[in-house]
Amino acid sequence: MRDHARAMFWLAAAGVIVLAGISAGGGPVQAQDPNSALNPYHVAEHWAKLPNGRVWGQAIGVDIDRDGTSLWVFDRCGGKTCEGSNIAPIQKFDVSGRLVASFGSGLFKWPHGLCAAPDGTVWVTDGTNQTVMQFGADGRLLRTLGKPGVAGNGPDEFNSPSDVLVAPNGDIFVADGHGNVPVPNTNDRIVKFSKDGKFIKAWGHHGSGQGEFDVPHGLAMDSAGRLFVADRANSRIQIFDQDGKFLAEWKQFGRPSGVYIRNDIIYVADSQSNEKVNPPFRQGIRIGSVKDGKVTSFISAPDPGAPMPEGVTADKDGNVFGGFTENNDVKKYVKN
């Protein structure tokens, strides 16, 4: 009897351990302390060489070019907006931090998302002008999706588009909606277009259930073709197939503003968590694997109250870049 009781005890304990590793959405549960992962990075000071007189604005969009090393940055013209500015908000830097291209002057009001597409073009979103625009690497405007200045939820309309992603086959995904900023009651959906810009489908609406959104703020795609959505105000990442079928939700990466995937390593920027919003998470960049969802590294703030980036990307050498909107900066994080 004693041996039987002991066996039943260990069987029950094993069951608890297994259940502890599974969440309701099919993803792993966060650690007891979501800020406990080690930080193996340090900041590379003064890496970017801005032109004389040019300063960073709110650097909301960052992405690595298809060469794996060059960095594209989309900032708000040295300030909080591009309205009335003649500064070029799209800039490209080489591996040494030298500026090699800049364009887009006079075309934007409230820059937001940026995607360096596989074909070498650059896609950006304007949350106030309600457009998604494609540029050649030389700065030529190639295509505009949406109706400039017109907010809506039709197949050819946006309402504060936050991000854009181009899949390897050329299909275009737009995270359409930014809560009550810059205008009230924006959309909360994902919109899919073909590579030639034709509307395919849209899914999602405001809410907190599976497939619903509250500020879909960033997009990424893994090697299996799964679409990762930074569902920021719901403090989770939602994962879908490319037809919009819900696959899982992950909450262990904090309150995600930006999400980026390279070689199935996921980088998530949390720029909002604090003692009142999404506790006990702290702001920073959480890094893990899309295979198991485990957080393995955490680039934390120098002190608990310091702001951390909204935008995030990583180059082929593992350097991480963060685009800051709170203190207008772009930082490069290098492994120790």
Protein backbone atom coordinates (compact mmCIF):
# COMPACT_ATOMS: atom_id res chain seq x y z
CA MET A 1 0.00 0.00 0.00
CA ARG A 2 2.83 2.35 0.87
CA ASP A 3 4.51 1.72 -2.48
CA HIS A 4 1.19 2.21 -4.29
CA ALA A 5 0.58 5.52 -2.51
CA ARG A 6 4.10 6.69 -3.35
CA ALA A 7 3.58 5.80 -7.02
CA MET A 8 0.27 7.69 -7.13
CA PHE A 9 1.92 10.74 -5.58
CA TRP A 10 4.68 10.91 -8.20
CA LEU A 11 2.18 10.30 -11.01
CA ALA A 12 0.09 13.23 -9.81
CA ALA A 13 3.18 15.42 -9.47
CA ALA A 14 4.23 14.59 -13.00
CA GLY A 15 0.77 15.57 -14.22
CA VAL A 16 1.06 18.95 -12.52
CA ILE A 17 4.42 19.54 -14.18
CA VAL A 18 3.04 18.69 -17.62
CA LEU A 19 -0.02 20.91 -17.18
CA ALA A 20 2.17 23.76 -15.98
CA GLY A 21 3.93 23.79 -19.32
CA ILE A 22 0.79 24.24 -21.42
CA SER A 23 -1.31 27.36 -21.83
CA ALA A 24 -4.93 27.67 -22.95
CA GLY A 25 -3.79 28.98 -26.32
CA GLY A 26 -1.49 26.08 -27.07
CA GLY A 27 1.71 27.96 -26.18
CA PRO A 28 4.09 27.73 -23.23
CA VAL A 29 3.36 29.42 -19.93
CA GLN A 30 5.59 32.29 -18.80
CA ALA A 31 8.18 31.75 -16.06
CA GLN A 32 7.28 32.83 -12.54
CA ASP A 33 9.52 35.86 -13.02
CA PRO A 34 9.11 37.02 -16.65
CA ASN A 35 12.09 39.37 -16.26
CA SER A 36 14.57 36.73 -15.11
CA ALA A 37 16.23 35.79 -18.41
CA LEU A 38 19.86 36.88 -18.66
CA ASN A 39 20.93 39.92 -20.69
CA PRO A 40 23.98 38.99 -22.80
CA TYR A 41 24.03 42.33 -24.66
CA HIS A 42 25.56 45.78 -24.25
CA VAL A 43 24.83 49.04 -26.06
CA ALA A 44 27.16 50.09 -28.88
CA GLU A 45 27.39 53.82 -28.22
CA HIS A 46 27.20 56.36 -31.07
CA TRP A 47 27.00 53.70 -33.77
CA ALA A 48 24.91 55.75 -36.24
CA LYS A 49 26.39 58.72 -38.06
CA LEU A 50 23.54 61.15 -38.68
CA PRO A 51 24.06 64.11 -41.03
CA ASN A 52 24.93 67.45 -39.46
CA GLY A 53 21.85 68.98 -37.90
CA ARG A 54 19.77 65.80 -38.19
CA VAL A 55 18.54 64.27 -34.95
CA TRP A 56 16.42 61.21 -34.30
CA GLY A 57 12.69 61.68 -34.13
CA GLN A 58 10.35 59.04 -32.73
CA ALA A 59 11.99 56.07 -34.45
CA ILE A 60 9.02 53.77 -34.75
CA GLY A 61 9.99 51.58 -37.73
CA VAL A 62 13.23 49.58 -37.99
CA ASP A 63 14.13 46.63 -40.22
CA ILE A 64 17.18 44.94 -41.70
CA ASP A 65 17.70 45.01 -45.46
CA ARG A 66 17.81 41.75 -47.40
CA ASP A 67 21.65 41.90 -47.27
CA GLY A 68 21.32 41.03 -43.58
CA THR A 69 23.39 43.93 -42.31
CA SER A 70 22.03 47.30 -43.52
CA LEU A 71 19.45 48.98 -41.30
CA TRP A 72 16.37 50.87 -42.46
CA VAL A 73 14.87 53.40 -40.03
CA PHE A 74 11.50 55.19 -40.30
CA ASP A 75 11.30 58.07 -37.85
CA ARG A 76 9.00 61.04 -37.38
CA CYS A 77 11.20 63.63 -39.06
CA GLY A 78 13.31 64.49 -36.04
CA GLY A 79 10.29 64.97 -33.77
CA LYS A 80 6.82 63.56 -33.04
CA THR A 81 5.29 64.10 -36.49
CA CYS A 82 6.26 64.79 -40.09
CA GLU A 83 3.49 67.30 -40.74
CA GLY A 84 5.01 70.52 -42.07
CA SER A 85 8.52 69.02 -42.17
CA ASN A 86 10.90 68.78 -45.13
CA ILE A 87 13.08 66.16 -43.43
CA ALA A 88 13.36 62.73 -45.06
CA PRO A 89 11.97 60.16 -42.59
CA ILE A 90 13.25 56.99 -44.32
CA GLN A 91 16.96 56.38 -43.80
CA LYS A 92 19.30 53.49 -44.57
CA PHE A 93 22.58 52.84 -42.70
CA ASP A 94 25.33 50.41 -43.60
CA VAL A 95 27.04 48.04 -41.18
CA SER A 96 29.38 50.79 -39.97
CA GLY A 97 26.50 53.18 -39.22
CA ARG A 98 27.12 55.35 -42.29
CA LEU A 99 24.03 56.87 -43.91
CA VAL A 100 23.73 55.54 -47.46
CA ALA A 101 20.20 56.60 -48.45
CA SER A 102 17.38 58.87 -47.29
CA PHE A 103 14.06 59.81 -48.88
CA GLY A 104 10.34 60.44 -48.34
CA SER A 105 10.42 64.14 -47.56
CA GLY A 106 6.97 65.74 -47.62
CA LEU A 107 5.10 62.45 -48.14
CA PHE A 108 4.15 61.53 -44.58
CA LYS A 109 2.22 62.77 -41.58
CA TRP A 110 2.62 60.10 -38.86
CA PRO A 111 5.17 57.43 -39.83
CA HIS A 112 4.72 54.03 -38.23
CA GLY A 113 5.58 50.57 -39.60
CA LEU A 114 8.41 49.66 -41.97
CA CYS A 115 9.22 46.43 -43.81
CA ALA A 116 12.31 45.72 -45.90
CA ALA A 117 10.77 43.30 -48.39
CA PRO A 118 12.52 40.24 -49.86
CA ASP A 119 12.57 41.88 -53.32
CA GLY A 120 14.61 44.85 -52.06
CA THR A 121 11.76 47.33 -51.90
CA VAL A 122 10.71 49.14 -48.72
CA TRP A 123 7.15 49.29 -47.42
CA VAL A 124 5.92 51.80 -44.82
CA THR A 125 2.66 52.79 -43.15
CA ASP A 126 1.31 56.24 -42.32
CA GLY A 127 -1.13 56.12 -39.40
CA THR A 128 -2.66 59.53 -40.10
CA ASN A 129 -2.62 59.58 -43.89
CA GLN A 130 -4.21 56.06 -43.89
CA THR A 131 -1.81 54.65 -46.45
CA VAL A 132 0.67 51.82 -47.02
CA MET A 133 3.38 52.79 -49.48
CA GLN A 134 6.02 50.85 -51.41
CA PHE A 135 9.33 52.43 -52.41
CA GLY A 136 12.25 51.27 -54.46
CA ALA A 137 15.59 51.21 -52.69
CA ASP A 138 16.41 54.42 -54.59
CA GLY A 139 13.41 56.23 -53.08
CA ARG A 140 10.99 56.00 -56.03
CA LEU A 141 7.37 55.64 -54.92
CA LEU A 142 6.12 52.46 -56.58
CA ARG A 143 2.68 51.82 -55.09
CA THR A 144 0.18 53.21 -52.60
CA LEU A 145 -2.48 51.11 -50.88
CA GLY A 146 -5.39 52.86 -49.20
CA LYS A 147 -7.03 56.19 -49.87
CA PRO A 148 -4.85 59.09 -48.73
CA GLY A 149 -6.53 60.96 -45.90
CA VAL A 150 -9.62 58.71 -45.90
CA ALA A 151 -10.21 56.40 -42.93
CA GLY A 152 -12.39 53.33 -43.37
CA ASN A 153 -12.69 49.56 -43.12
CA GLY A 154 -13.35 48.70 -46.72
CA PRO A 155 -11.09 46.51 -48.89
CA ASP A 156 -9.20 49.56 -50.17
CA GLU A 157 -9.19 51.56 -46.92
CA PHE A 158 -7.29 51.66 -43.64
CA ASN A 159 -7.77 53.33 -40.29
CA SER A 160 -4.39 53.96 -38.66
CA PRO A 161 -2.32 51.12 -40.15
CA SER A 162 0.43 50.19 -37.70
CA ASP A 163 2.64 47.78 -39.61
CA VAL A 164 3.18 45.98 -42.91
CA LEU A 165 4.89 42.68 -43.76
CA VAL A 166 5.69 41.11 -47.12
CA ALA A 167 5.77 37.31 -47.21
CA PRO A 168 8.36 35.38 -49.26
CA ASN A 169 5.76 34.81 -52.02
CA GLY A 170 5.03 38.55 -52.21
CA ASP A 171 1.69 38.59 -50.38
CA ILE A 172 1.23 41.72 -48.26
CA PHE A 173 -0.12 41.76 -44.71
CA VAL A 174 -1.16 44.96 -42.94
CA ALA A 175 -1.83 45.37 -39.22
CA ASP A 176 -4.66 47.87 -39.48
CA GLY A 177 -5.48 49.78 -36.31
CA HIS A 178 -3.86 51.73 -33.50
CA GLY A 179 -6.53 51.99 -30.82
CA ASN A 180 -7.54 55.58 -30.09
CA VAL A 181 -4.35 57.10 -31.46
CA PRO A 182 -3.97 59.09 -33.66
CA VAL A 183 -7.79 59.18 -34.05
CA PRO A 184 -10.52 57.50 -31.95
CA ASN A 185 -11.93 54.04 -32.67
CA THR A 186 -9.51 52.83 -35.31
CA ASN A 187 -9.69 49.39 -36.92
CA ASP A 188 -8.51 46.20 -35.22
CA ARG A 189 -7.86 43.74 -38.03
CA ILE A 190 -5.33 42.13 -40.34
CA VAL A 191 -5.67 42.79 -44.08
CA LYS A 192 -4.11 40.55 -46.73
CA PHE A 193 -3.28 41.58 -50.30
CA SER A 194 -1.75 39.74 -53.24
CA LYS A 195 1.72 40.75 -54.43
CA ASP A 196 0.13 43.05 -57.02
CA GLY A 197 -1.86 44.87 -54.35
CA LYS A 198 -5.26 43.22 -54.82
CA PHE A 199 -7.37 42.70 -51.71
CA ILE A 200 -7.62 39.04 -50.68
CA LYS A 201 -9.23 39.06 -47.24
CA ALA A 202 -9.38 40.68 -43.80
CA TRP A 203 -9.91 39.12 -40.40
CA GLY A 204 -10.39 40.25 -36.82
CA HIS A 205 -12.20 42.99 -34.97
CA HIS A 206 -11.95 44.71 -31.60
CA GLY A 207 -11.90 42.33 -28.66
CA SER A 208 -9.77 40.02 -26.54
CA GLY A 209 -10.86 36.60 -27.80
CA GLN A 210 -9.01 34.37 -30.20
CA GLY A 211 -8.63 36.15 -33.52
CA GLU A 212 -9.72 39.49 -32.04
CA PHE A 213 -7.38 42.44 -31.56
CA ASP A 214 -6.77 45.51 -29.46
CA VAL A 215 -4.04 47.53 -31.20
CA PRO A 216 -2.39 45.08 -33.64
CA HIS A 217 0.95 46.86 -33.56
CA GLY A 218 3.54 44.65 -35.26
CA LEU A 219 3.95 41.70 -37.65
CA ALA A 220 6.51 38.96 -38.25
CA MET A 221 6.65 35.59 -40.02
CA ASP A 222 8.61 32.45 -39.20
CA SER A 223 10.15 29.88 -41.56
CA ALA A 224 6.96 27.80 -41.44
CA GLY A 225 4.96 30.74 -42.78
CA ARG A 226 3.12 31.44 -39.53
CA LEU A 227 2.09 35.07 -39.01
CA PHE A 228 2.91 36.54 -35.61
CA VAL A 229 0.86 39.58 -34.55
CA ALA A 230 1.88 41.87 -31.69
CA ASP A 231 -1.59 42.32 -30.16
CA ARG A 232 -0.33 45.04 -27.86
CA ALA A 233 -3.25 46.19 -25.71
CA ASN A 234 -4.16 42.53 -25.12
CA SER A 235 -0.58 41.91 -23.89
CA ARG A 236 -0.03 38.93 -26.15
CA ILE A 237 1.27 37.65 -29.45
CA GLN A 238 -1.30 35.89 -31.62
CA ILE A 239 -0.15 33.35 -34.19
CA PHE A 240 -2.09 32.59 -37.39
CA ASP A 241 -1.67 30.75 -40.63
CA GLN A 242 -1.67 32.95 -43.72
CA ASP A 243 -5.41 32.47 -44.21
CA GLY A 244 -6.17 33.90 -40.78
CA LYS A 245 -6.72 30.64 -38.90
CA PHE A 246 -5.88 31.12 -35.22
CA LEU A 247 -3.08 28.81 -34.06
CA ALA A 248 -1.92 30.03 -30.63
CA GLU A 249 -1.42 32.97 -28.31
CA TRP A 250 1.75 33.71 -26.31
CA LYS A 251 1.83 36.00 -23.30
CA GLN A 252 5.34 35.24 -22.06
CA PHE A 253 6.90 37.98 -24.21
CA GLY A 254 5.16 40.82 -22.36
CA ARG A 255 3.13 43.63 -23.89
CA PRO A 256 4.46 43.59 -27.45
CA SER A 257 4.93 46.75 -29.47
CA GLY A 258 7.30 45.25 -32.02
CA VAL A 259 8.07 41.72 -33.15
CA TYR A 260 10.78 40.44 -35.48
CA ILE A 261 11.87 36.93 -36.50
CA ARG A 262 15.20 35.90 -38.05
CA ASN A 263 16.22 32.25 -38.42
CA ASP A 264 13.28 31.36 -36.18
CA ILE A 265 14.64 33.45 -33.33
CA ILE A 266 11.94 35.84 -32.16
CA TYR A 267 12.66 39.35 -30.84
CA VAL A 268 9.84 41.17 -29.05
CA ALA A 269 9.96 44.81 -27.93
CA ASP A 270 7.89 45.65 -24.85
CA SER A 271 7.67 49.44 -24.47
CA GLN A 272 4.68 49.70 -22.15
CA SER A 273 4.79 47.18 -19.28
CA ASN A 274 5.22 48.62 -15.80
CA GLU A 275 3.82 48.25 -12.28
CA LYS A 276 0.37 49.40 -13.41
CA VAL A 277 0.27 48.05 -16.97
CA ASN A 278 0.81 44.30 -17.44
CA PRO A 279 2.64 43.62 -14.16
CA PRO A 280 4.95 41.95 -13.26
CA PHE A 281 6.50 42.40 -16.71
CA ARG A 282 9.10 45.12 -17.20
CA GLN A 283 9.97 46.89 -20.42
CA GLY A 284 12.69 45.50 -22.64
CA ILE A 285 13.41 43.19 -25.57
CA ARG A 286 12.64 39.51 -24.95
CA ILE A 287 14.35 36.98 -27.22
CA GLY A 288 13.45 33.33 -27.71
CA SER A 289 12.65 30.60 -30.21
CA VAL A 290 9.51 30.22 -32.29
CA LYS A 291 9.94 26.45 -31.95
CA ASP A 292 9.02 26.29 -28.26
CA GLY A 293 8.23 29.91 -27.32
CA LYS A 294 10.74 29.93 -24.48
CA VAL A 295 12.25 33.30 -23.55
CA THR A 296 16.02 32.84 -23.42
CA SER A 297 17.34 36.43 -23.20
CA PHE A 298 16.00 39.75 -21.95
CA ILE A 299 17.55 43.08 -22.91
CA SER A 300 16.36 45.08 -19.95
CA ALA A 301 16.31 48.78 -19.22
CA PRO A 302 19.31 50.23 -17.35
CA ASP A 303 16.88 51.00 -14.55
CA PRO A 304 13.27 49.84 -14.07
CA GLY A 305 11.82 53.23 -15.03
CA ALA A 306 13.82 53.83 -18.21
CA PRO A 307 11.94 53.62 -21.53
CA MET A 308 12.61 50.80 -23.96
CA PRO A 309 11.98 50.54 -27.73
CA GLU A 310 8.79 50.02 -29.70
CA GLY A 311 10.51 48.83 -32.87
CA VAL A 312 12.95 45.92 -32.99
CA THR A 313 15.03 44.06 -35.57
CA ALA A 314 18.23 42.00 -35.72
CA ASP A 315 20.96 41.55 -38.32
CA LYS A 316 22.52 38.31 -39.53
CA ASP A 317 25.34 38.64 -36.99
CA GLY A 318 22.94 38.73 -34.07
CA ASN A 319 23.13 42.45 -33.34
CA VAL A 320 19.79 43.81 -32.14
CA PHE A 321 18.42 47.27 -32.98
CA GLY A 322 15.73 49.08 -31.04
CA GLY A 323 13.70 52.06 -32.26
CA PHE A 324 12.67 54.35 -29.40
CA THR A 325 9.69 56.70 -29.40
CA GLU A 326 9.83 57.76 -25.75
CA ASN A 327 13.29 59.34 -25.95
CA ASN A 328 13.81 59.49 -29.75
CA ASP A 329 16.71 57.15 -30.40
CA VAL A 330 17.89 54.06 -32.26
CA LYS A 331 20.16 51.81 -30.21
CA LYS A 332 22.37 48.94 -31.31
CA TYR A 333 22.78 46.05 -28.89
CA VAL A 334 25.83 43.80 -29.32
CA LYS A 335 26.47 40.48 -27.62
CA ASN A 336 29.05 40.55 -24.84
